[in-house]
Amino acid sequence: MSDRSRDLAGKVALVTGSGAARNLGYACVPVLAGAGAKVVLHGRREQELVHLTEGLKGQGLDVDCVLADVADEDQVRRMVGFAAERFGRLDILVNTAATTAHPEDLDVAHLSVAAWDQSFAVNARGTMLACKYAIPLMLEAGGGSIINYSSGTASAGDMRYTAYACSKAAIHTLTYYIATQYGRQGIRCNTLAIGLVRTAVNEATIPEPFATIYREHHAIGRMGRPEEISEFVRFLASDASAFITGQVIPVDGGFFAHQPTTVQMAHAMGGVAG
């Protein structure tokens, strides 16, 4: 088996939404950098962003950082341009920047326009803008890989978080279009439909009774770990995945792999499946 310890050597990556500790965006930075990539972290909180970047530099990783609001086109253009100017090219874009569910993101009849607009401004528009400005730079470099972060909420209905889910579904369609429009020019685009992962935000906001329900519905019986998502990002960023594009890939511990009745049936038969 070939050694993939440096399979991203010579590549430059921009990871949006990576400027916060213990989130999914930050978790993939040391994985990409450890595989040889030069990485630019993006965030909105300068003090934390700089602190995280300096910590990674202290580990011998080749990283830098940039502040930007991904809902603002001018700031996104400068953000993407900084990454290319700082390291001379751009090969990998990982779009993890997202807004969490707005308190007024409810069922459609009670959904506020503010909640809808916020979700689409950050999640859908922010992802599109990063791609818009990254693609020309990738074309100059001879190709590239775009990895978008989405959510399983876009795949099935629920009683709330309507705007959040719809904005994530927009990312799925954007992925198909980018892959179709630029595949012959060497650019691949894929999206990860991520299940529930143990992050600081989830641990702080999901009550334990709800967490138990989520765990029971994961086929493997637990939530995901950030590093499990990061290793898949590394694969999609590398040439090992050269034949994979235009895909929305569930990385969710089998949350949607079973029949909706499975967990209740397992309880009725005397235990949870697995």
Protein backbone atom coordinates (compact mmCIF):
# COMPACT_ATOMS: atom_id res chain seq x y z
CA MET A 1 0.00 0.00 0.00
CA SER A 2 1.32 3.46 -0.88
CA ASP A 3 2.29 5.89 1.87
CA ARG A 4 -0.28 8.69 2.06
CA SER A 5 1.30 10.54 4.98
CA ARG A 6 2.20 13.44 2.65
CA ASP A 7 -0.45 13.01 -0.04
CA LEU A 8 -1.31 16.74 -0.03
CA ALA A 9 2.27 18.02 -0.30
CA GLY A 10 2.44 21.13 -2.47
CA LYS A 11 -1.31 21.79 -2.17
CA VAL A 12 -2.89 24.92 -0.71
CA ALA A 13 -6.20 24.73 1.16
CA LEU A 14 -8.67 27.29 2.46
CA VAL A 15 -10.99 26.10 5.24
CA THR A 16 -13.89 28.43 5.94
CA GLY A 17 -15.43 28.38 9.40
CA SER A 18 -12.30 26.90 10.95
CA GLY A 19 -11.55 29.73 13.37
CA ALA A 20 -13.22 28.22 16.42
CA ALA A 21 -11.84 25.49 18.64
CA ARG A 22 -13.61 22.15 18.87
CA ASN A 23 -15.67 22.68 15.72
CA LEU A 24 -15.69 20.59 12.57
CA GLY A 25 -13.89 23.18 10.46
CA TYR A 26 -10.96 23.56 12.81
CA ALA A 27 -10.66 19.79 13.26
CA CYS A 28 -9.73 19.23 9.61
CA VAL A 29 -6.95 21.88 9.54
CA PRO A 30 -4.24 19.84 11.32
CA VAL A 31 -5.25 16.79 9.27
CA LEU A 32 -4.81 18.63 5.96
CA ALA A 33 -1.67 20.41 7.13
CA GLY A 34 -0.28 17.18 8.55
CA ALA A 35 -0.67 15.63 5.09
CA GLY A 36 1.54 18.36 3.65
CA ALA A 37 -0.93 21.06 2.63
CA LYS A 38 -0.47 24.73 3.38
CA VAL A 39 -3.74 25.82 5.02
CA VAL A 40 -5.49 29.14 5.57
CA LEU A 41 -7.99 29.19 8.43
CA HIS A 42 -10.99 31.48 8.19
CA GLY A 43 -13.02 32.89 11.04
CA ARG A 44 -14.93 35.90 12.36
CA ARG A 45 -13.46 36.24 15.85
CA GLU A 46 -9.98 37.64 15.49
CA GLN A 47 -8.56 36.80 18.92
CA GLU A 48 -9.55 33.14 18.85
CA LEU A 49 -8.58 32.78 15.18
CA VAL A 50 -5.09 34.15 15.76
CA HIS A 51 -4.67 32.03 18.91
CA LEU A 52 -5.58 28.83 17.06
CA THR A 53 -3.33 29.69 14.14
CA GLU A 54 -0.34 30.37 16.38
CA GLY A 55 -0.94 27.08 18.16
CA LEU A 56 -0.86 25.20 14.86
CA LYS A 57 2.28 27.03 13.77
CA GLY A 58 3.84 25.96 17.05
CA GLN A 59 3.26 22.36 15.96
CA GLY A 60 5.33 23.01 12.83
CA LEU A 61 2.33 23.27 10.50
CA ASP A 62 2.33 25.73 7.59
CA VAL A 63 -0.83 27.74 8.25
CA ASP A 64 -2.13 31.29 8.24
CA CYS A 65 -5.50 32.93 8.90
CA VAL A 66 -7.94 35.47 7.49
CA LEU A 67 -10.99 37.28 8.89
CA ALA A 68 -14.16 37.52 6.81
CA ASP A 69 -17.94 37.46 6.87
CA VAL A 70 -18.84 34.80 4.31
CA ALA A 71 -22.20 36.47 3.62
CA ASP A 72 -20.39 39.55 2.28
CA GLU A 73 -19.16 39.21 -1.31
CA ASP A 74 -16.29 41.71 -1.06
CA GLN A 75 -14.98 40.05 2.11
CA VAL A 76 -15.17 36.60 0.54
CA ARG A 77 -13.31 37.81 -2.55
CA ARG A 78 -10.55 39.20 -0.32
CA MET A 79 -10.53 36.03 1.81
CA VAL A 80 -10.02 33.71 -1.16
CA GLY A 81 -7.51 36.10 -2.71
CA PHE A 82 -5.50 36.17 0.50
CA ALA A 83 -5.15 32.39 0.52
CA ALA A 84 -3.81 32.34 -3.03
CA GLU A 85 -1.52 35.32 -2.50
CA ARG A 86 -0.16 33.97 0.76
CA PHE A 87 0.80 30.56 -0.60
CA GLY A 88 0.91 31.14 -4.35
CA ARG A 89 -2.07 29.04 -5.48
CA LEU A 90 -5.32 27.43 -4.35
CA ASP A 91 -6.10 23.73 -4.75
CA ILE A 92 -8.55 22.84 -1.99
CA LEU A 93 -11.60 24.64 -0.63
CA VAL A 94 -13.41 23.25 2.39
CA ASN A 95 -16.66 25.10 3.09
CA THR A 96 -17.59 24.51 6.73
CA ALA A 97 -18.75 28.04 7.66
CA ALA A 98 -22.38 27.93 8.73
CA THR A 99 -24.88 29.58 11.00
CA THR A 100 -26.59 27.47 13.60
CA ALA A 101 -30.36 27.29 13.73
CA HIS A 102 -32.05 30.64 14.47
CA PRO A 103 -34.43 30.63 17.49
CA GLU A 104 -37.25 31.61 15.12
CA ASP A 105 -36.41 28.83 12.66
CA LEU A 106 -39.60 26.90 13.29
CA ASP A 107 -42.33 25.27 11.21
CA VAL A 108 -43.23 27.16 8.03
CA ALA A 109 -46.28 28.95 9.45
CA HIS A 110 -44.22 30.33 12.35
CA LEU A 111 -40.89 30.75 10.54
CA SER A 112 -39.52 34.29 10.60
CA VAL A 113 -38.17 35.86 7.43
CA ALA A 114 -35.10 36.91 9.45
CA ALA A 115 -34.35 33.26 10.26
CA TRP A 116 -34.78 32.28 6.61
CA ASP A 117 -32.58 35.10 5.35
CA GLN A 118 -29.82 34.45 7.90
CA SER A 119 -29.63 30.76 7.05
CA PHE A 120 -29.46 31.38 3.33
CA ALA A 121 -27.04 34.32 3.62
CA VAL A 122 -24.42 32.30 5.48
CA ASN A 123 -25.01 28.68 4.51
CA ALA A 124 -26.08 28.95 0.86
CA ARG A 125 -24.74 32.32 -0.28
CA GLY A 126 -21.52 31.97 1.73
CA THR A 127 -20.76 28.59 0.19
CA MET A 128 -21.58 29.83 -3.30
CA LEU A 129 -19.40 32.93 -2.92
CA ALA A 130 -16.40 30.97 -1.71
CA CYS A 131 -16.76 28.66 -4.71
CA LYS A 132 -17.29 31.60 -7.08
CA TYR A 133 -13.93 33.14 -6.18
CA ALA A 134 -12.02 29.90 -5.63
CA ILE A 135 -12.86 28.30 -8.98
CA PRO A 136 -10.89 30.75 -11.19
CA LEU A 137 -7.82 30.27 -8.98
CA MET A 138 -8.19 26.49 -9.14
CA LEU A 139 -8.44 26.68 -12.91
CA GLU A 140 -5.15 28.60 -12.95
CA ALA A 141 -3.59 25.83 -10.84
CA GLY A 142 -4.85 23.11 -13.18
CA GLY A 143 -7.77 21.91 -11.05
CA GLY A 144 -8.85 21.45 -7.48
CA SER A 145 -11.19 19.88 -4.99
CA ILE A 146 -14.12 21.59 -3.28
CA ILE A 147 -15.60 19.91 -0.22
CA ASN A 148 -18.81 21.38 1.18
CA TYR A 149 -20.22 20.62 4.62
CA SER A 150 -23.95 19.99 4.75
CA SER A 151 -26.33 18.14 7.01
CA GLY A 152 -28.64 15.18 7.06
CA THR A 153 -31.41 17.64 7.93
CA ALA A 154 -31.60 18.42 4.20
CA SER A 155 -32.61 14.82 3.43
CA ALA A 156 -35.86 14.46 5.36
CA GLY A 157 -38.56 16.60 6.97
CA ASP A 158 -38.74 17.64 10.62
CA MET A 159 -40.88 19.82 12.87
CA ARG A 160 -38.48 22.81 13.02
CA TYR A 161 -35.23 24.20 11.57
CA THR A 162 -36.94 24.63 8.21
CA ALA A 163 -34.68 27.43 6.96
CA TYR A 164 -31.49 25.72 8.09
CA ALA A 165 -32.41 22.49 6.31
CA CYS A 166 -33.47 24.25 3.11
CA SER A 167 -30.25 26.25 3.02
CA LYS A 168 -28.27 23.03 3.33
CA ALA A 169 -30.30 21.46 0.53
CA ALA A 170 -29.26 24.38 -1.67
CA ILE A 171 -25.64 23.34 -1.12
CA HIS A 172 -26.46 19.89 -2.48
CA THR A 173 -27.76 21.33 -5.74
CA LEU A 174 -24.83 23.76 -5.98
CA THR A 175 -22.52 20.76 -5.70
CA TYR A 176 -24.12 19.02 -8.69
CA TYR A 177 -23.84 22.17 -10.80
CA ILE A 178 -20.21 22.91 -9.98
CA ALA A 179 -19.21 19.31 -10.62
CA THR A 180 -21.01 19.37 -13.96
CA GLN A 181 -19.74 22.76 -15.09
CA TYR A 182 -16.08 22.35 -14.18
CA GLY A 183 -15.35 18.63 -14.09
CA ARG A 184 -13.69 18.57 -17.50
CA GLN A 185 -11.43 21.39 -16.34
CA GLY A 186 -10.11 19.41 -13.40
CA ILE A 187 -12.30 20.69 -10.57
CA ARG A 188 -14.18 18.22 -8.41
CA CYS A 189 -16.94 19.18 -5.99
CA ASN A 190 -18.51 16.97 -3.31
CA THR A 191 -20.63 17.55 -0.24
CA LEU A 192 -20.65 15.71 3.07
CA ALA A 193 -24.09 15.27 4.61
CA ILE A 194 -22.86 15.09 8.17
CA GLY A 195 -24.71 13.44 11.02
CA LEU A 196 -24.57 14.42 14.67
CA VAL A 197 -20.96 14.90 15.77
CA ARG A 198 -19.65 15.63 19.25
CA THR A 199 -18.69 19.30 19.06
CA ALA A 200 -18.64 22.00 21.72
CA VAL A 201 -21.87 23.50 20.37
CA ASN A 202 -23.73 20.19 20.31
CA GLU A 203 -22.58 19.20 23.77
CA ALA A 204 -23.72 22.57 25.14
CA THR A 205 -27.09 22.74 23.40
CA ILE A 206 -28.46 19.20 23.07
CA PRO A 207 -30.13 17.94 26.27
CA GLU A 208 -29.15 14.42 27.27
CA PRO A 209 -32.63 12.91 26.59
CA PHE A 210 -32.37 14.18 23.02
CA ALA A 211 -28.78 13.00 22.73
CA THR A 212 -29.92 9.52 23.76
CA ILE A 213 -32.52 9.49 21.00
CA TYR A 214 -29.93 10.56 18.44
CA ARG A 215 -27.50 7.86 19.57
CA GLU A 216 -30.15 5.17 19.30
CA HIS A 217 -30.88 6.15 15.71
CA HIS A 218 -27.24 5.95 14.64
CA ALA A 219 -26.59 2.46 13.30
CA ILE A 220 -23.25 2.37 15.13
CA GLY A 221 -24.86 3.47 18.41
CA ARG A 222 -22.91 6.67 18.98
CA MET A 223 -22.33 10.18 17.71
CA GLY A 224 -19.48 10.96 15.36
CA ARG A 225 -16.09 12.38 16.25
CA PRO A 226 -14.65 15.44 14.47
CA GLU A 227 -11.54 13.55 13.38
CA GLU A 228 -13.70 11.00 11.56
CA ILE A 229 -15.08 13.77 9.35
CA SER A 230 -11.61 15.29 8.91
CA GLU A 231 -10.07 12.10 7.58
CA PHE A 232 -12.78 11.86 4.94
CA VAL A 233 -12.08 15.47 3.94
CA ARG A 234 -8.44 14.57 3.51
CA PHE A 235 -9.42 11.71 1.21
CA LEU A 236 -11.64 13.94 -0.93
CA ALA A 237 -8.92 16.60 -1.08
CA SER A 238 -6.36 14.10 -2.35
CA ASP A 239 -5.84 12.44 -5.71
CA ALA A 240 -6.97 9.16 -4.14
CA SER A 241 -10.54 10.36 -4.75
CA ALA A 242 -9.92 11.58 -8.31
CA PHE A 243 -12.92 9.65 -9.70
CA ILE A 244 -15.40 11.02 -7.14
CA THR A 245 -17.29 14.22 -7.93
CA GLY A 246 -20.82 15.59 -7.86
CA GLN A 247 -21.72 13.50 -4.83
CA VAL A 248 -23.62 14.21 -1.62
CA ILE A 249 -22.05 11.66 0.70
CA PRO A 250 -23.67 10.76 4.02
CA VAL A 251 -21.14 10.67 6.84
CA ASP A 252 -23.65 10.04 9.58
CA GLY A 253 -23.02 6.74 11.34
CA GLY A 254 -25.91 5.15 9.47
CA PHE A 255 -28.55 7.57 10.75
CA PHE A 256 -30.57 7.30 7.53
CA ALA A 257 -29.64 3.69 6.77
CA HIS A 258 -32.53 2.04 8.59
CA GLN A 259 -36.31 2.02 8.45
CA PRO A 260 -37.98 4.79 10.48
CA THR A 261 -39.56 2.14 12.74
CA THR A 262 -36.37 0.23 13.52
CA VAL A 263 -35.52 1.73 16.91
CA GLN A 264 -39.09 1.49 18.22
CA MET A 265 -39.32 -2.09 16.99
CA ALA A 266 -36.06 -2.93 18.73
CA HIS A 267 -37.40 -1.50 21.99
CA ALA A 268 -40.61 -3.50 21.56
CA MET A 269 -38.55 -6.66 21.12
CA GLY A 270 -36.58 -5.99 24.27
CA GLY A 271 -33.58 -3.91 23.25
CA VAL A 272 -32.16 -1.29 20.97
CA ALA A 273 -30.82 -2.58 17.65
CA GLY A 274 -27.07 -3.17 17.81
